[in-house]
Protein backbone atom coordinates (compact mmCIF):
# COMPACT_ATOMS: atom_id res chain seq x y z
CA MET A 1 -45.50 -3.78 6.02
CA GLY A 2 -42.19 -4.71 4.38
CA TYR A 3 -39.02 -6.59 5.22
CA LYS A 4 -35.27 -6.14 5.25
CA ARG A 5 -32.54 -8.67 5.93
CA ILE A 6 -29.42 -7.54 7.75
CA SER A 7 -26.28 -9.16 9.15
CA ILE A 8 -25.12 -8.29 12.64
CA VAL A 9 -22.03 -9.00 14.72
CA ILE A 10 -22.65 -8.86 18.47
CA PRO A 11 -20.75 -9.88 21.64
CA THR A 12 -21.56 -13.29 23.10
CA GLY A 13 -23.10 -12.08 26.35
CA TYR A 14 -25.60 -9.71 24.75
CA GLU A 15 -29.15 -9.18 26.00
CA ASP A 16 -32.22 -8.80 23.78
CA ASP A 17 -32.43 -5.07 24.48
CA ARG A 18 -28.89 -4.56 23.20
CA LEU A 19 -29.69 -6.44 20.01
CA ARG A 20 -32.76 -4.30 19.39
CA LYS A 21 -30.81 -1.09 19.92
CA LYS A 22 -28.14 -2.29 17.51
CA ILE A 23 -30.80 -2.86 14.86
CA GLU A 24 -32.21 0.63 15.54
CA ARG A 25 -28.80 2.24 15.06
CA LEU A 26 -28.07 0.26 11.93
CA LEU A 27 -31.39 0.91 10.18
CA LEU A 28 -32.29 4.28 11.76
CA ILE A 29 -35.84 3.14 12.57
CA LYS A 30 -37.76 2.75 15.83
CA ASP A 31 -40.97 0.95 14.94
CA PHE A 32 -40.18 -2.60 13.85
CA THR A 33 -40.23 -6.26 14.76
CA TYR A 34 -37.51 -8.77 14.01
CA SER A 35 -36.75 -12.47 13.96
CA ILE A 36 -33.43 -14.30 13.96
CA GLU A 37 -32.86 -16.38 10.83
CA SER A 38 -29.38 -17.70 11.65
CA LYS A 39 -26.91 -17.46 14.49
CA SER A 40 -23.39 -18.85 14.62
CA LEU A 41 -20.37 -18.42 16.88
CA ASP A 42 -17.22 -16.99 15.32
CA ALA A 43 -14.27 -18.11 17.49
CA ARG A 44 -11.53 -17.87 14.87
CA LYS A 45 -9.83 -15.07 16.80
CA LYS A 46 -9.67 -15.78 20.52
CA ASN A 47 -9.53 -12.07 21.38
CA ASN A 48 -12.69 -11.36 19.42
CA ILE A 49 -15.21 -14.18 19.88
CA HIS A 50 -18.68 -13.06 18.86
CA TRP A 51 -22.03 -14.08 17.38
CA GLU A 52 -22.76 -13.59 13.72
CA MET A 53 -26.47 -13.24 13.05
CA ARG A 54 -28.80 -12.79 10.12
CA ILE A 55 -31.90 -10.84 11.10
CA LEU A 56 -35.20 -10.38 9.29
CA VAL A 57 -36.66 -6.98 10.16
CA SER A 58 -40.27 -6.04 9.40
CA SER A 59 -41.49 -2.44 9.41
CA ASP A 60 -44.02 -0.11 7.76
CA GLU A 61 -41.03 1.87 6.55
CA TYR A 62 -40.15 -0.79 3.97
CA SER A 63 -41.99 -1.68 0.81
CA ASP A 64 -43.16 -5.30 0.64
CA ASP A 65 -40.87 -6.38 -2.19
CA LEU A 66 -38.74 -8.90 -0.30
CA ASN A 67 -39.81 -12.50 -0.68
CA VAL A 68 -39.64 -14.00 2.82
CA SER A 69 -41.95 -16.95 2.30
CA LYS A 70 -40.42 -20.42 2.38
CA PRO A 71 -41.88 -23.66 1.04
CA GLU A 72 -43.92 -25.61 3.56
CA LEU A 73 -44.57 -29.32 3.83
CA GLU A 74 -48.14 -29.85 2.65
CA ILE A 75 -49.90 -32.89 4.12
CA PRO A 76 -53.16 -33.48 2.26
CA TYR A 77 -55.90 -34.89 4.49
CA LYS A 78 -58.41 -37.44 3.26
CA LYS A 79 -60.28 -39.83 5.51
CA ARG A 80 -59.68 -43.33 4.21
CA ASN A 81 -59.93 -46.95 5.25
CA LYS A 82 -56.21 -47.62 5.06
CA ASN A 83 -54.11 -48.95 7.91
CA VAL A 84 -50.41 -48.36 8.50
CA VAL A 85 -48.11 -50.07 10.98
CA VAL A 86 -44.86 -48.31 11.85
CA VAL A 87 -42.24 -50.29 13.76
CA GLY A 88 -39.87 -48.22 15.90
CA SER A 89 -40.50 -44.89 17.63
CA GLY A 90 -37.23 -43.14 16.81
CA PRO A 91 -37.24 -40.00 14.66
CA ALA A 92 -37.86 -41.84 11.38
CA GLY A 93 -40.66 -44.00 12.73
CA PHE A 94 -42.36 -41.28 14.70
CA PHE A 95 -42.43 -38.66 11.95
CA ALA A 96 -43.57 -41.18 9.36
CA ALA A 97 -46.38 -42.24 11.68
CA THR A 98 -47.52 -38.76 12.63
CA ILE A 99 -47.62 -37.53 9.02
CA LEU A 100 -49.61 -40.55 7.87
CA GLN A 101 -52.04 -40.07 10.73
CA GLN A 102 -52.42 -36.39 9.82
CA ALA A 103 -53.12 -37.46 6.24
CA GLY A 104 -56.07 -39.62 7.31
CA PHE A 105 -54.59 -43.09 7.66
CA ASN A 106 -55.24 -45.31 10.68
CA THR A 107 -51.73 -45.51 12.06
CA THR A 108 -50.31 -47.79 14.73
CA LEU A 109 -46.81 -47.16 16.06
CA ILE A 110 -45.21 -50.08 17.87
CA GLU A 111 -42.08 -49.91 20.00
CA ARG A 112 -40.22 -52.85 21.52
CA GLY A 113 -38.98 -50.69 24.39
CA THR A 114 -40.81 -48.83 27.13
CA ASP A 115 -42.23 -45.31 27.25
CA VAL A 116 -39.73 -42.63 28.11
CA LYS A 117 -40.64 -42.47 31.81
CA LYS A 118 -40.17 -46.21 32.36
CA ARG A 119 -37.10 -46.08 30.15
CA THR A 120 -35.51 -43.44 32.37
CA GLU A 121 -36.23 -45.54 35.44
CA GLY A 122 -34.74 -48.63 33.79
CA ILE A 123 -31.56 -46.77 32.92
CA GLU A 124 -31.22 -45.49 36.48
CA VAL A 125 -31.50 -49.06 37.82
CA PHE A 126 -28.94 -50.29 35.25
CA GLU A 127 -26.42 -47.65 36.24
CA ALA A 128 -26.97 -48.34 39.94
CA THR A 129 -26.84 -52.14 39.76
CA GLY A 130 -25.22 -53.13 36.46
CA ILE A 131 -28.26 -55.29 35.66
CA PHE A 132 -29.15 -54.76 31.99
CA ASN A 133 -32.79 -54.23 31.02
CA PRO A 134 -33.52 -55.29 27.40
CA VAL A 135 -36.54 -52.98 27.05
CA SER A 136 -35.39 -49.94 29.07
CA ASN A 137 -31.89 -48.89 28.06
CA TYR A 138 -29.92 -46.24 26.18
CA ALA A 139 -30.50 -47.90 22.79
CA MET A 140 -34.13 -49.10 22.94
CA GLY A 141 -37.32 -47.33 23.93
CA GLU A 142 -39.48 -44.32 23.18
CA GLY A 143 -37.74 -41.84 20.89
CA GLY A 144 -35.00 -44.26 19.89
CA ALA A 145 -31.32 -44.02 20.78
CA GLY A 146 -31.40 -40.26 20.16
CA THR A 147 -33.57 -39.61 23.23
CA PHE A 148 -30.53 -40.11 25.44
CA SER A 149 -27.96 -38.15 23.47
CA ASP A 150 -26.92 -34.57 22.96
CA GLY A 151 -29.86 -34.21 20.58
CA LYS A 152 -27.87 -32.67 17.76
CA LEU A 153 -30.06 -31.38 14.93
CA THR A 154 -27.47 -30.73 12.26
CA SER A 155 -27.64 -32.21 8.79
CA ARG A 156 -25.30 -31.77 5.85
CA SER A 157 -27.96 -32.49 3.24
CA SER A 158 -29.43 -29.53 1.34
CA ARG A 159 -32.13 -31.74 -0.17
CA ILE A 160 -34.29 -31.96 2.95
CA SER A 161 -34.89 -28.27 3.72
CA ILE A 162 -38.69 -28.56 3.64
CA GLU A 163 -38.67 -31.71 5.75
CA LYS A 164 -36.18 -30.18 8.18
CA LYS A 165 -38.32 -27.09 8.66
CA PHE A 166 -41.33 -29.26 9.47
CA ILE A 167 -39.32 -31.40 11.90
CA LEU A 168 -37.84 -28.44 13.77
CA ALA A 169 -41.23 -26.73 14.02
CA SER A 170 -42.69 -29.97 15.40
CA TYR A 171 -40.01 -30.11 18.08
CA VAL A 172 -40.64 -26.48 19.05
CA ASN A 173 -44.38 -27.17 19.25
CA ALA A 174 -43.57 -30.05 21.61
CA GLY A 175 -41.50 -27.89 23.94
CA ALA A 176 -38.08 -27.46 22.32
CA PRO A 177 -36.44 -24.03 22.52
CA ASP A 178 -37.19 -21.79 19.54
CA GLU A 179 -33.44 -21.32 18.93
CA ILE A 180 -33.19 -24.73 17.22
CA GLN A 181 -34.79 -23.11 14.17
CA TYR A 182 -31.92 -20.67 13.65
CA MET A 183 -28.78 -21.86 15.47
CA THR A 184 -26.04 -23.14 13.14
CA HIS A 185 -25.35 -26.07 15.47
CA PRO A 186 -28.66 -26.64 17.29
CA HIS A 187 -29.12 -29.27 19.93
CA LEU A 188 -31.92 -30.32 22.29
CA GLY A 189 -30.18 -32.01 25.20
CA SER A 190 -31.28 -35.31 26.72
CA ASP A 191 -33.23 -33.58 29.52
CA ASN A 192 -35.35 -31.69 26.98
CA LEU A 193 -35.69 -34.73 24.72
CA LYS A 194 -37.36 -36.79 27.44
CA ILE A 195 -40.10 -34.15 27.65
CA ILE A 196 -40.30 -33.53 23.91
CA VAL A 197 -40.75 -37.15 22.83
CA GLU A 198 -43.50 -37.65 25.40
CA ASN A 199 -45.30 -34.51 24.18
CA LEU A 200 -44.96 -35.64 20.56
CA ARG A 201 -46.49 -39.00 21.46
CA LYS A 202 -49.42 -37.32 23.22
CA GLN A 203 -50.01 -35.14 20.16
CA PHE A 204 -49.97 -38.23 17.94
CA VAL A 205 -52.50 -40.00 20.16
CA ASN A 206 -54.70 -36.90 20.29
CA ILE A 207 -55.13 -36.99 16.49
CA GLY A 208 -56.14 -40.64 16.60
CA GLY A 209 -52.83 -42.51 16.42
CA THR A 210 -52.19 -45.67 18.43
CA VAL A 211 -48.94 -46.38 20.29
CA LEU A 212 -48.07 -49.85 21.61
CA PHE A 213 -45.01 -50.09 23.87
CA GLU A 214 -43.12 -53.27 24.78
CA THR A 215 -44.40 -54.73 21.51
CA THR A 216 -41.72 -56.49 19.49
CA MET A 217 -42.05 -57.43 15.84
CA ILE A 218 -41.01 -61.09 15.62
CA ASP A 219 -41.84 -61.93 12.02
CA LEU A 220 -43.77 -60.79 8.98
CA LYS A 221 -46.02 -62.71 6.62
CA VAL A 222 -45.32 -62.20 2.91
CA GLU A 223 -47.67 -63.29 0.12
CA ASN A 224 -47.05 -62.41 -3.53
CA ASN A 225 -44.44 -59.72 -2.72
CA LYS A 226 -46.81 -58.10 -0.26
CA VAL A 227 -46.75 -58.11 3.54
CA SER A 228 -50.15 -59.08 4.94
CA HIS A 229 -49.39 -58.84 8.65
CA ILE A 230 -46.63 -58.80 11.21
CA GLU A 231 -46.28 -61.14 14.16
CA THR A 232 -45.47 -59.53 17.51
CA ASN A 233 -44.99 -60.82 21.04
CA LYS A 234 -48.56 -59.62 21.66
CA GLY A 235 -50.25 -61.04 18.56
CA ASN A 236 -50.60 -60.38 14.84
CA ILE A 237 -51.29 -56.95 13.32
CA ASP A 238 -52.78 -56.61 9.82
CA SER A 239 -52.18 -53.53 7.73
CA ASP A 240 -52.05 -52.08 4.23
CA TYR A 241 -48.57 -50.55 4.64
CA PHE A 242 -45.63 -51.47 6.87
CA LEU A 243 -42.77 -49.11 7.70
CA VAL A 244 -39.88 -50.53 9.72
CA ALA A 245 -37.56 -48.05 11.46
CA PRO A 246 -35.24 -50.43 13.34
CA GLY A 247 -32.44 -48.05 14.26
CA HIS A 248 -28.81 -49.12 13.97
CA SER A 249 -28.88 -51.68 16.81
CA SER A 250 -31.78 -54.05 16.07
CA TYR A 251 -29.73 -56.88 14.60
CA ASP A 252 -32.46 -59.42 15.34
CA THR A 253 -34.85 -57.36 13.19
CA TYR A 254 -32.27 -57.19 10.41
CA ARG A 255 -31.88 -60.96 10.43
CA MET A 256 -35.62 -61.57 10.41
CA LEU A 257 -36.03 -59.26 7.42
CA MET A 258 -33.24 -61.06 5.60
CA LYS A 259 -35.00 -64.38 6.17
CA ARG A 260 -38.07 -62.87 4.53
CA SER A 261 -36.03 -61.95 1.43
CA VAL A 262 -35.49 -58.29 2.22
CA GLY A 263 -32.16 -57.47 0.57
CA PHE A 264 -29.26 -55.90 2.47
CA HIS A 265 -25.63 -55.34 1.60
CA THR A 266 -22.58 -54.32 3.60
CA LYS A 267 -21.56 -50.66 3.45
CA ASN A 268 -18.71 -48.56 4.77
CA PHE A 269 -19.02 -47.51 8.40
CA ALA A 270 -16.79 -46.25 11.20
CA LEU A 271 -15.76 -47.49 14.60
CA GLY A 272 -13.32 -46.65 17.35
CA SER A 273 -13.51 -45.45 20.93
CA ARG A 274 -14.67 -42.41 22.89
CA MET A 275 -12.36 -39.65 24.09
CA GLU A 276 -12.89 -37.66 27.27
CA HIS A 277 -11.35 -34.42 28.51
CA HIS A 278 -12.09 -31.91 31.21
CA GLN A 279 -14.32 -29.35 29.52
CA GLU A 280 -12.07 -26.51 30.66
CA ILE A 281 -9.23 -28.00 28.58
CA ILE A 282 -11.42 -27.80 25.47
CA ASN A 283 -12.61 -24.29 26.36
CA MET A 284 -9.02 -23.10 26.74
CA ALA A 285 -7.98 -24.70 23.47
CA GLN A 286 -10.89 -23.24 21.51
CA TRP A 287 -11.46 -19.92 23.25
CA GLY A 288 -8.25 -19.16 25.15
CA ARG A 289 -10.26 -18.89 28.38
CA LYS A 290 -12.18 -21.17 30.72
CA SER A 291 -15.61 -19.76 29.96
CA ILE A 292 -17.43 -17.19 27.84
CA SER A 293 -20.57 -15.33 28.82
CA GLY A 294 -23.55 -16.41 26.75
CA VAL A 295 -21.96 -19.61 25.37
CA LYS A 296 -22.46 -22.99 27.04
CA ALA A 297 -19.30 -24.97 26.29
CA ALA A 298 -16.73 -25.18 23.52
CA GLU A 299 -17.08 -27.83 20.82
CA TYR A 300 -14.62 -29.32 18.37
CA ARG A 301 -14.73 -31.16 15.07
CA LEU A 302 -11.48 -32.83 14.13
CA THR A 303 -10.46 -34.81 11.07
CA SER A 304 -7.25 -36.51 10.06
CA LYS A 305 -5.97 -38.64 7.22
CA GLY A 306 -4.87 -41.07 9.91
CA ASP A 307 -2.42 -43.59 8.55
CA GLY A 308 -3.07 -42.42 5.00
CA LYS A 309 -5.44 -45.30 4.31
CA GLN A 310 -8.42 -44.58 6.54
CA GLN A 311 -9.94 -41.28 7.54
CA VAL A 312 -10.10 -40.60 11.27
CA TYR A 313 -12.51 -38.08 12.74
CA SER A 314 -14.27 -36.99 15.90
CA PHE A 315 -17.94 -37.90 15.97
CA CYS A 316 -20.94 -36.91 18.10
CA MET A 317 -19.02 -34.43 20.25
CA CYS A 318 -20.85 -33.83 23.55
CA PRO A 319 -19.65 -30.67 25.31
CA GLY A 320 -20.28 -30.66 29.04
CA GLY A 321 -21.62 -34.19 28.81
CA VAL A 322 -21.17 -37.76 30.00
CA ILE A 323 -20.18 -41.10 28.47
CA VAL A 324 -22.93 -43.70 28.74
CA PRO A 325 -23.26 -47.49 28.30
CA ALA A 326 -25.13 -47.75 25.00
CA MET A 327 -25.44 -51.50 24.41
CA ALA A 328 -28.73 -52.80 23.01
CA VAL A 329 -28.28 -56.38 24.22
CA GLU A 330 -26.75 -58.18 27.17
CA GLN A 331 -23.12 -59.28 27.12
CA ALA A 332 -22.06 -56.51 24.78
CA ASN A 333 -20.03 -53.50 25.85
CA ILE A 334 -20.21 -50.27 23.88
CA VAL A 335 -20.25 -46.57 24.74
CA ASN A 336 -21.86 -43.38 23.49
CA GLY A 337 -22.09 -39.75 24.58
CA MET A 338 -24.87 -37.65 26.08
CA SER A 339 -25.33 -34.00 27.07
CA LYS A 340 -28.09 -32.08 28.76
CA TYR A 341 -29.31 -28.82 27.26
CA LEU A 342 -27.07 -26.58 29.40
CA ARG A 343 -23.97 -28.66 28.62
CA ASN A 344 -22.64 -27.83 32.07
CA GLU A 345 -21.10 -31.11 33.23
CA LYS A 346 -17.41 -31.36 34.10
CA PHE A 347 -16.27 -33.34 31.05
CA ALA A 348 -16.38 -33.15 27.27
CA ASN A 349 -16.46 -36.31 25.19
CA ALA A 350 -16.46 -37.35 21.55
CA ALA A 351 -15.95 -40.51 19.57
CA CYS A 352 -12.68 -40.99 17.74
CA VAL A 353 -13.43 -43.31 14.85
CA ALA A 354 -11.83 -44.61 11.68
CA THR A 355 -13.69 -45.46 8.51
CA ILE A 356 -13.78 -49.14 7.68
CA ASN A 357 -14.64 -51.31 4.72
CA LEU A 358 -15.10 -54.79 6.09
CA GLY A 359 -14.48 -56.42 2.72
CA ASP A 360 -11.09 -54.71 2.47
CA LEU A 361 -10.29 -55.63 6.07
CA LEU A 362 -11.13 -59.33 5.61
CA LYS A 363 -9.89 -59.36 1.99
CA ARG A 364 -13.04 -60.98 0.62
CA GLU A 365 -16.64 -60.24 -0.17
CA VAL A 366 -18.66 -59.94 3.04
CA LEU A 367 -22.39 -60.57 3.18
CA ALA A 368 -24.68 -58.40 5.28
CA GLU A 369 -25.35 -61.10 7.88
CA GLU A 370 -21.62 -61.77 8.22
CA THR A 371 -21.16 -58.07 8.96
CA LEU A 372 -23.66 -58.30 11.81
CA ASP A 373 -21.84 -61.38 13.17
CA TRP A 374 -18.49 -59.60 13.00
CA MET A 375 -19.86 -56.53 14.81
CA GLU A 376 -21.50 -58.61 17.53
CA ASN A 377 -18.29 -60.55 18.12
CA LEU A 378 -16.36 -57.31 18.50
CA GLU A 379 -18.91 -55.89 20.96
CA ARG A 380 -18.87 -59.14 22.97
CA SER A 381 -15.08 -59.12 23.10
CA PHE A 382 -15.14 -55.84 25.03
CA TYR A 383 -17.66 -57.34 27.45
CA GLU A 384 -15.50 -60.43 27.91
CA PHE A 385 -12.40 -58.33 28.56
CA SER A 386 -14.17 -56.33 31.26
CA LEU A 387 -16.21 -59.28 32.57
CA GLY A 388 -19.15 -56.91 32.49
CA TYR A 389 -19.96 -53.32 31.62
CA LYS A 390 -16.89 -51.46 32.88
CA ALA A 391 -15.31 -49.51 30.04
CA PRO A 392 -11.77 -50.53 29.00
CA MET A 393 -9.79 -47.32 29.19
CA CYS A 394 -6.34 -45.77 28.87
CA SER A 395 -4.94 -42.30 28.47
CA ILE A 396 -4.49 -40.84 25.00
CA ARG A 397 -0.74 -40.81 25.66
CA ASP A 398 -0.83 -44.52 26.56
CA PHE A 399 -2.77 -45.34 23.42
CA ILE A 400 -0.21 -43.56 21.24
CA ASN A 401 2.73 -45.14 23.07
CA LYS A 402 1.05 -48.58 23.36
CA LYS A 403 1.85 -48.69 27.06
CA VAL A 404 -0.53 -48.95 30.04
CA THR A 405 0.67 -46.76 32.90
CA ASN A 406 -2.24 -47.63 35.23
CA THR A 407 -3.00 -43.98 35.78
CA VAL A 408 -6.09 -43.57 37.96
CA SER A 409 -8.35 -41.05 36.33
CA GLU A 410 -11.74 -39.46 36.78
CA THR A 411 -14.47 -40.22 34.29
CA SER A 412 -18.13 -39.48 33.74
CA TYR A 413 -18.85 -43.09 32.75
CA PRO A 414 -21.30 -44.43 35.36
CA LEU A 415 -20.40 -48.14 35.43
CA GLY A 416 -16.70 -47.77 36.12
CA ILE A 417 -13.53 -48.17 34.07
CA ILE A 418 -10.81 -50.78 33.80
CA GLN A 419 -7.28 -49.91 32.71
CA ALA A 420 -6.68 -51.68 29.42
CA PRO A 421 -4.42 -51.91 26.36
CA LEU A 422 -7.27 -50.52 24.28
CA TRP A 423 -5.23 -50.75 21.09
CA GLU A 424 -5.21 -54.54 21.45
CA LEU A 425 -9.02 -54.71 21.61
CA LEU A 426 -9.65 -52.80 18.40
CA PRO A 427 -9.07 -54.22 14.89
CA ASP A 428 -5.46 -53.69 13.81
CA ASN A 429 -6.16 -51.29 10.97
CA VAL A 430 -8.55 -49.25 13.13
CA GLU A 431 -6.15 -48.82 16.04
CA LYS A 432 -3.27 -47.90 13.73
CA ALA A 433 -5.34 -45.24 11.99
CA ILE A 434 -6.65 -43.87 15.29
CA ARG A 435 -3.13 -43.67 16.73
CA GLU A 436 -2.02 -41.47 13.84
CA GLY A 437 -5.24 -39.49 14.04
CA LEU A 438 -4.74 -38.79 17.75
CA LYS A 439 -1.23 -37.52 17.04
CA ASP A 440 -2.75 -35.16 14.51
CA PHE A 441 -5.44 -34.01 16.96
CA ILE A 442 -2.76 -33.23 19.55
CA ARG A 443 -0.97 -31.02 17.02
CA LYS A 444 -4.22 -29.18 16.29
CA MET A 445 -5.52 -28.64 19.84
CA LYS A 446 -3.48 -27.56 22.85
CA GLY A 447 -3.96 -29.88 25.82
CA PHE A 448 -5.60 -32.64 23.81
CA GLU A 449 -2.97 -35.14 24.98
CA THR A 450 -4.30 -34.84 28.56
CA GLY A 451 -7.47 -36.75 27.76
CA ASN A 452 -8.43 -40.41 27.99
CA ILE A 453 -9.87 -42.82 25.46
CA MET A 454 -12.21 -45.64 26.36
CA GLY A 455 -14.67 -48.30 25.27
CA LEU A 456 -15.95 -49.32 21.88
CA GLU A 457 -17.84 -46.83 19.73
CA SER A 458 -19.53 -49.04 17.13
CA LYS A 459 -22.83 -47.27 16.46
CA THR A 460 -21.82 -44.29 14.38
CA SER A 461 -24.13 -45.63 11.66
CA ALA A 462 -25.67 -48.87 10.48
CA PRO A 463 -23.03 -51.25 9.03
CA ILE A 464 -25.43 -52.51 6.36
CA GLN A 465 -27.88 -50.92 3.92
CA VAL A 466 -31.27 -52.11 2.71
CA GLU A 467 -31.88 -52.50 -1.00
CA ARG A 468 -34.79 -50.23 -1.88
CA GLU A 469 -36.38 -48.50 -4.84
CA ASN A 470 -36.33 -44.77 -5.60
CA ASP A 471 -39.70 -44.40 -3.90
CA GLY A 472 -38.32 -45.95 -0.71
CA ARG A 473 -39.99 -49.35 -0.96
CA CYS A 474 -37.88 -52.41 -0.23
CA SER A 475 -36.90 -53.98 -3.54
CA GLY A 476 -39.31 -56.76 -4.45
CA PHE A 477 -42.06 -55.60 -2.08
CA GLU A 478 -45.23 -53.62 -2.74
CA ASN A 479 -45.93 -52.26 0.73
CA LEU A 480 -42.79 -52.61 2.89
CA TYR A 481 -40.43 -49.75 3.73
CA VAL A 482 -37.27 -49.80 5.86
CA ILE A 483 -36.48 -46.24 6.94
CA GLY A 484 -34.23 -44.10 9.07
CA GLU A 485 -30.79 -44.83 10.42
CA GLY A 486 -31.45 -48.57 10.33
CA SER A 487 -31.96 -48.41 6.57
CA GLY A 488 -28.35 -47.38 6.05
CA TYR A 489 -29.45 -44.27 4.12
CA SER A 490 -29.45 -41.73 6.95
CA GLY A 491 -27.75 -40.95 10.22
CA GLY A 492 -28.66 -38.66 13.10
CA ILE A 493 -31.96 -37.20 14.22
CA ILE A 494 -32.73 -34.84 11.34
CA SER A 495 -31.73 -37.00 8.39
CA SER A 496 -33.47 -40.04 9.93
CA ALA A 497 -36.64 -38.06 10.61
CA ALA A 498 -36.52 -36.67 7.07
CA ASP A 499 -36.24 -40.20 5.68
CA GLY A 500 -39.41 -41.08 7.56
CA VAL A 501 -41.15 -37.94 6.30
CA LYS A 502 -40.26 -38.77 2.70
CA ALA A 503 -41.51 -42.34 3.01
CA ALA A 504 -44.80 -41.13 4.44
CA MET A 505 -45.24 -38.51 1.72
CA THR A 506 -44.51 -41.17 -0.93
CA ILE A 507 -47.31 -43.35 0.43
CA ILE A 508 -49.68 -40.38 0.52
CA SER A 509 -48.76 -39.44 -3.05
CA GLY A 510 -49.31 -43.01 -4.21
CA GLU A 511 -52.77 -43.04 -2.67
CA TYR A 512 -53.67 -39.89 -4.59
CA SER A 513 -52.27 -41.00 -7.94
């Protein structure tokens, strides 16, 4: 049995039988099996939109001289009397915990929020009543903020290929579609994610792991540069290692860590608002037609130099999705985007954000805790404007012209909108950059000016970064790790999960050295 790699171009609405026949004609063989290694949509020419695929074909007709093996993540098992506590059940926390449990540690995963079923119920009540639930919301709970998102699995880093392969395989084993292992822009969808994270948790428990929901880390005890235990709302937990995966919204956790001499510094981040269009507008702009057989919904990725000082770009584009209230605490008002797997809702949405350096903005050195204060004040200001959780909103045209026309518009946002001079609510340099960026986007995409822009998008990434050593440990600590998006070193599901994988493998390696 040997292998051959081939590249194929095929129409978007193809069926599996047509793909097989195309391989037969190309290779002039009948007896073979194949697997898809990569698949991407080529929409550069609207009259010839197609899939480009790389196929690995195996057949007795080929000699076995093609190396098709890829490096695997090796998790050495050794039963040991070592305990690990992981705080936070998002991608970084979960994958760190599951790998350490597989390696023979006694691992406890704690999560301040609820399990995914109770979390879903809490969100439904919030959207129906406007009463915020601090443990069941879009930001906190099982699976982290990413559970209620589009579930994008892209990563620009080429240094995490082994970790990424392990992560994707784990998702497939928990019920994700196999296509995530070969699509160029894979995504899970929030409907699939709710099932997947529950299945992952059950697998973790089945191999001996412990999960404690509605358990909040309040403090940690440090002696001689080593954490001895953490204090939670349900009592103290002792351990040999502590991994904290706080996500980008746990400002109370950040502040507690700072009080315990964990170093943080301010870093560049981005903020802005979220744009919304009818999905058909985006489809027409990208494809020249309202729909294409075999493709869910058109996406876009837009960048601009903005005002020449700050980069402006679209972020977390959710085709066929909805805008959701993504605040982690009461009396804050922020938005995010979410899509189900089929991406078949009426609207498309994406953040429009500008990069920001808070030190440059305030014209002085800014400490990490000051950055958190500044962000919280901004998020509260949107709440105070709306007197609640309605999203301040205007049309893209109004934002550019700095004029509210009180146009009544449809939206997917569940808690209602309030017409607003959105440009007055954002920091001056951000709104100026976004205005120029939106003008640029309109030049690049037909119909883009018909959309709306709303709310505050302030969670593109953590605004601060932990100070840690090359092995991932917090500087000055022997057994404390801050990982994932909340560390300031990663962003998104894959890179956050990979950060957790690397931390776990570092601990395993240290135990073997």
